[in-house]
């Protein structure tokens, strides 16, 4: 299966509120920019990327978690981040059953993550230097 089909399957495997919440968040993420790519990584996590990883989704027994790879480095004007607050890089938005989401505020976080990814200096491939040649012994 391709990544989009894997994510579809994950949502279908959770016909309760968790699948519905992941589907809702997926629609918001994909609606921000048509260039966002869906991936399936780390043995079963939906990932959305654009110029790098933006958001990683996870379904747990009592919550749905949307982790922003560089959440600690982007503005959260509406205070949506409520998980992984102690780290210096990641932040997450976690939903329990019945939690509502401010869709525009969440889309603002996705746009900020895209802007952050685009502002990072591009990694240049390591220069491959040829092995030093030593003269053959005679």
Foldseek 3Di string as FASTA:
>chain_A
DFQVVLLVVVLVVDVDVQSVVVVVLVVLLCVLDVPWDWHADDVGWIFIDDLGTAWIWDDDPFKIKIKGQALLPFDQPPPQFDPPVPDNGMTIHMDGPPDDDPSVSSSVSSVRSNVVSVPDDDDDDDDDDDDDDDDDDD
